Protein backbone atom coordinates (compact mmCIF):
# COMPACT_ATOMS: atom_id res chain seq x y z
CA MET A 1 30.23 -50.40 89.77
CA ARG A 2 33.29 -49.23 87.93
CA THR A 3 35.70 -50.83 85.46
CA THR A 4 39.21 -49.57 84.74
CA THR A 5 42.46 -50.54 83.00
CA ASP A 6 46.08 -50.05 83.99
CA LEU A 7 46.99 -48.64 80.54
CA ARG A 8 45.39 -45.96 78.37
CA THR A 9 47.33 -46.89 75.22
CA ALA A 10 49.11 -50.07 74.21
CA VAL A 11 51.14 -51.73 71.47
CA GLY A 12 51.33 -55.28 70.18
CA GLN A 13 52.29 -57.89 72.80
CA ASP A 14 51.57 -55.51 75.70
CA THR A 15 49.69 -56.96 78.66
CA VAL A 16 46.67 -54.96 79.83
CA THR A 17 44.93 -55.48 83.18
CA PHE A 18 41.18 -54.88 83.50
CA THR A 19 39.70 -54.35 86.98
CA THR A 20 36.01 -54.16 87.90
CA ASP A 21 34.73 -53.17 91.34
CA ALA A 22 31.17 -53.70 92.55
CA ARG A 23 30.19 -52.61 96.07
CA ASN A 24 26.93 -53.46 97.80
CA TYR A 25 26.07 -50.13 99.42
CA GLY A 26 22.66 -51.33 100.56
CA ASP A 27 21.50 -52.94 103.78
CA THR A 28 20.39 -56.11 102.04
CA ASP A 29 22.56 -59.06 101.07
CA ARG A 30 22.65 -60.08 97.40
CA PRO A 31 22.81 -63.90 97.60
CA ASP A 32 22.51 -64.40 93.84
CA PHE A 33 24.52 -61.48 92.49
CA VAL A 34 25.47 -61.81 88.81
CA LEU A 35 28.01 -59.56 87.07
CA LYS A 36 28.66 -59.83 83.35
CA ASP A 37 31.60 -58.33 81.46
CA ASP A 38 31.17 -58.23 77.68
CA LEU A 39 34.61 -58.72 76.11
CA THR A 40 33.50 -58.61 72.48
CA GLY A 41 35.44 -55.40 71.93
CA VAL A 42 38.48 -56.74 73.77
CA VAL A 43 39.21 -60.24 72.50
CA ASP A 44 38.78 -59.21 68.85
CA GLU A 45 42.37 -57.98 69.03
CA SER A 46 43.80 -59.51 72.17
CA THR A 47 44.03 -62.85 73.95
CA LEU A 48 42.46 -63.36 77.35
CA LEU A 49 44.99 -64.90 79.74
CA ALA A 50 42.82 -67.48 81.46
CA ASP A 51 45.16 -68.01 84.39
CA THR A 52 44.78 -64.35 85.41
CA LEU A 53 41.04 -64.50 86.15
CA THR A 54 40.62 -63.64 89.82
CA ALA A 55 37.90 -62.47 92.19
CA THR A 56 38.08 -61.14 95.73
CA ILE A 57 35.49 -59.89 98.21
CA ASP A 58 36.93 -57.30 100.57
CA GLY A 59 40.38 -58.57 99.60
CA ARG A 60 39.66 -62.22 100.31
CA PRO A 61 39.76 -64.80 97.50
CA ALA A 62 36.43 -65.73 95.97
CA ALA A 63 35.35 -68.02 93.14
CA ALA A 64 36.89 -66.85 89.87
CA PRO A 65 34.67 -65.59 87.04
CA GLU A 66 34.01 -67.86 84.07
CA PHE A 67 34.57 -66.94 80.45
CA ASP A 68 32.15 -68.05 77.73
CA ARG A 69 34.31 -68.06 74.62
CA ALA A 70 31.36 -68.29 72.22
CA ALA A 71 29.50 -65.38 73.82
CA ARG A 72 32.74 -63.54 74.59
CA THR A 73 31.37 -62.77 78.04
CA LEU A 74 32.92 -63.06 81.48
CA THR A 75 30.44 -63.91 84.25
CA TRP A 76 30.71 -63.95 88.03
CA ARG A 77 27.98 -65.45 90.21
CA GLY A 78 27.90 -65.48 93.97
CA ALA A 79 26.79 -63.85 97.19
CA LEU A 80 27.61 -60.21 97.82
CA ARG A 81 26.77 -59.27 101.37
CA ALA A 82 25.69 -55.77 102.38
CA GLY A 83 28.66 -53.42 102.70
CA THR A 84 31.14 -55.67 100.90
CA GLN A 85 33.03 -55.09 97.67
CA LEU A 86 33.66 -57.52 94.84
CA ARG A 87 36.75 -57.03 92.68
CA LEU A 88 37.32 -58.90 89.43
CA THR A 89 40.61 -58.75 87.54
CA TYR A 90 41.95 -60.30 84.37
CA LYS A 91 44.70 -59.66 81.86
CA VAL A 92 44.83 -59.72 78.08
CA ARG A 93 47.77 -59.75 75.68
CA VAL A 94 47.42 -57.37 72.75
CA ALA A 95 47.65 -58.97 69.30
CA ARG A 96 50.24 -57.87 66.76
CA ARG A 97 47.48 -56.92 64.33
CA GLY A 98 44.26 -55.13 65.13
CA ALA A 99 40.71 -54.63 63.92
CA ASP A 100 39.44 -51.30 65.21
CA TYR A 101 42.60 -50.56 67.26
CA SER A 102 40.69 -50.33 70.52
CA LEU A 103 40.10 -52.60 73.50
CA ARG A 104 36.75 -51.81 75.12
CA ASN A 105 34.74 -53.85 77.61
CA SER A 106 31.27 -53.32 79.07
CA VAL A 107 30.16 -54.49 82.52
CA GLN A 108 26.60 -54.82 83.78
CA ALA A 109 24.63 -56.18 86.72
CA ASN A 110 21.01 -55.75 87.73
CA GLY A 111 20.36 -53.45 90.67
CA THR A 112 23.63 -51.55 90.23
CA SER A 113 24.79 -48.32 88.60
CA CYS A 114 25.52 -50.40 85.48
CA PRO A 115 22.24 -52.17 84.66
CA THR A 116 22.89 -51.98 80.91
CA GLY A 117 26.63 -51.32 80.71
CA THR A 118 26.23 -48.06 78.80
CA ALA A 119 27.27 -45.49 81.42
CA PRO A 120 30.85 -44.15 81.21
CA GLU A 121 31.98 -45.90 84.40
CA CYS A 122 30.70 -49.21 83.04
CA SER A 123 33.23 -49.35 80.22
CA ALA A 124 37.01 -48.98 79.91
CA GLU A 125 38.96 -48.38 76.71
CA VAL A 126 42.59 -48.86 75.71
CA ARG A 127 43.62 -47.38 72.37
CA LEU A 128 46.10 -49.26 70.23
CA SER A 129 48.75 -47.66 68.06
CA ALA A 130 49.22 -48.90 64.50
CA ILE A 131 51.65 -47.48 61.98
CA HIS A 132 51.50 -48.85 58.44
CA LEU A 133 54.49 -48.40 56.17
CA ALA A 134 54.78 -48.79 52.42
CA MET A 135 57.63 -48.17 49.97
CA LEU A 136 57.24 -48.21 46.19
CA GLY A 137 59.88 -47.84 43.49
CA GLY A 138 59.07 -45.78 40.42
CA ARG A 139 60.48 -48.23 37.88
CA THR A 140 59.30 -51.62 36.69
CA ASP A 141 62.75 -52.54 35.39
CA ASN A 142 66.12 -52.62 37.08
CA PRO A 143 67.85 -49.23 36.73
CA ARG A 144 71.10 -49.20 34.79
CA PRO A 145 74.21 -47.16 35.58
CA GLY A 146 73.41 -43.47 35.19
CA GLN A 147 69.66 -43.98 35.48
CA ARG A 148 67.47 -42.55 38.21
CA LEU A 149 65.26 -44.47 40.61
CA ASP A 150 62.34 -42.63 42.24
CA VAL A 151 60.95 -43.96 45.51
CA THR A 152 57.62 -43.11 47.18
CA ILE A 153 57.08 -43.79 50.86
CA THR A 154 53.83 -43.69 52.84
CA VAL A 155 53.65 -43.49 56.62
CA GLU A 156 50.08 -44.01 57.86
CA ASN A 157 48.80 -43.78 61.41
CA ALA A 158 46.02 -46.34 61.07
CA GLY A 159 45.54 -46.81 64.81
CA GLY A 160 43.62 -44.99 67.47
CA VAL A 161 46.51 -43.09 69.09
CA ASP A 162 47.58 -39.58 68.10
CA PHE A 163 51.36 -39.16 67.83
CA THR A 164 51.59 -35.40 68.30
CA ARG A 165 53.92 -34.93 71.25
CA GLY A 166 57.61 -34.28 70.81
CA GLN A 167 58.82 -35.41 67.40
CA GLY A 168 55.72 -37.55 66.87
CA ILE A 169 56.73 -40.55 64.79
CA SER A 170 60.26 -41.21 63.64
CA ALA A 171 60.90 -43.57 60.72
CA LEU A 172 64.17 -44.53 59.11
CA VAL A 173 65.02 -45.52 55.54
CA ASP A 174 68.15 -47.66 55.70
CA LEU A 175 70.08 -46.86 52.52
CA THR A 176 73.31 -48.68 53.37
CA ASP A 177 72.86 -51.23 50.59
CA VAL A 178 71.67 -48.57 48.14
CA LEU A 179 74.34 -45.90 48.47
CA ASP A 180 77.19 -48.32 47.78
CA ASP A 181 75.95 -48.39 44.17
CA ALA A 182 73.99 -45.13 43.85
CA ASP A 183 74.04 -41.47 44.83
CA TYR A 184 71.25 -39.79 46.76
CA ASN A 185 69.96 -36.80 44.78
CA GLN A 186 69.20 -34.60 47.81
CA ASP A 187 65.63 -34.19 46.56
CA VAL A 188 63.39 -35.61 49.28
CA ARG A 189 60.06 -33.79 49.44
CA ASN A 190 56.63 -34.15 50.95
CA VAL A 191 53.85 -35.04 48.50
CA SER A 192 50.83 -35.02 50.79
CA GLY A 193 49.89 -35.04 54.45
CA PRO A 194 51.88 -33.56 57.34
CA PRO A 195 55.31 -32.58 55.96
CA GLY A 196 57.48 -33.51 58.93
CA THR A 197 61.24 -33.09 58.78
CA PHE A 198 63.98 -35.03 56.98
CA VAL A 199 67.53 -35.78 58.05
CA PHE A 200 69.99 -37.45 55.65
CA THR A 201 73.01 -39.27 57.05
CA PRO A 202 75.57 -39.64 54.21
CA GLY A 203 76.12 -43.22 53.18
CA LYS A 204 73.60 -44.56 55.67
CA SER A 205 70.03 -43.39 55.96
CA LEU A 206 67.19 -40.95 55.48
CA ARG A 207 65.04 -40.24 58.53
CA TRP A 208 61.51 -38.79 58.53
CA SER A 209 60.02 -37.38 61.73
CA GLY A 210 56.69 -35.69 62.29
CA PRO A 211 53.35 -35.65 64.08
CA LEU A 212 50.57 -37.88 62.81
CA ARG A 213 47.08 -37.92 64.25
CA SER A 214 44.95 -41.03 64.14
CA LYS A 215 44.05 -41.92 60.51
CA GLU A 216 46.50 -39.39 59.04
CA LYS A 217 49.18 -40.33 56.53
CA SER A 218 52.26 -38.62 55.14
CA VAL A 219 53.61 -39.37 51.67
CA PHE A 220 57.08 -38.34 50.52
CA THR A 221 59.46 -39.13 47.68
CA TYR A 222 63.18 -39.19 47.07
CA SER A 223 65.46 -40.47 44.32
CA VAL A 224 68.87 -41.98 43.75
CA THR A 225 70.98 -42.24 40.60
CA VAL A 226 72.92 -45.42 39.89
CA LYS A 227 76.66 -44.81 39.75
CA ARG A 228 78.40 -45.08 36.40
CA THR A 229 80.83 -47.47 38.02
CA LEU A 230 79.32 -49.79 40.57
CA THR A 231 81.34 -49.85 43.76
CA GLY A 232 79.13 -52.10 45.85
CA ASN A 233 77.44 -55.46 45.47
CA GLY A 234 75.49 -54.54 42.34
CA GLN A 235 72.15 -54.76 44.12
CA MET A 236 70.21 -52.01 45.87
CA THR A 237 68.01 -52.90 48.82
CA ALA A 238 66.46 -50.21 50.99
CA PHE A 239 64.77 -51.11 54.26
CA PHE A 240 62.11 -48.92 55.78
CA GLY A 241 60.95 -49.25 59.35
CA PRO A 242 59.94 -47.16 62.35
CA THR A 243 62.37 -46.25 65.07
CA THR A 244 59.54 -45.65 67.55
CA PRO A 245 57.93 -48.76 69.16
CA LEU A 246 54.62 -49.16 67.37
CA TYR A 247 51.72 -51.58 67.09
CA THR A 248 52.02 -52.68 63.45
CA ALA A 249 55.24 -52.07 61.58
CA GLU A 250 56.58 -54.39 58.93
CA PRO A 251 59.71 -53.15 57.14
CA ARG A 252 59.39 -53.72 53.42
CA ALA A 253 62.43 -54.12 51.21
CA LEU A 254 62.74 -52.32 47.89
CA HIS A 255 64.95 -54.33 45.55
CA SER A 256 66.51 -53.12 42.33
């Protein structure tokens, strides 16, 4: 037997297809063949699409497998004649939030190469990406004209996917509603974690880009000084969000 997926990595709302093949290589029919697929590590952060459950034997439709929601197990029962191949397929939709940021199933059937579901070919894994963002202002009061506001930003790769190719992760601080009433002090710096690179676009934004392995985080700070004469709307709101499609990313507004 062998189980596979069509994706190696996924993000929230992606659809992943799992496929399991079981061939009877023997000379004896298996009239009461039972195949079980443990989905405990799949449906903890995805939804099984019930209308996608299918089974074929040598390409011909067969009775679909049944899913026990309480046991989180998919089961197929039927006859598997000598020399024929059973194929089971189903799809899941990845949740927006994850638990361990991995989809992993485990298939097993007596009298096969997967009697316990522990061999490598008896399990398939899809890693989920998850970037957590946080922005924190360094003042508890509203800054007055001429005063400085320090901001600390954390970018954490909480998921199971390494972002190390190319620019890695790219995240943007939208300063449009800040720089109408304040001046950027050109002082962005890395505090901890991978340093990455920074690009400031006058009047608009500050972009951080850099590689982050799974479970790594980068922390950086910058500051602005409120203008002596306010030229904007008198309120500063900075939005921080990723510009790379990611699993978990909730822009948080910093109000002053």
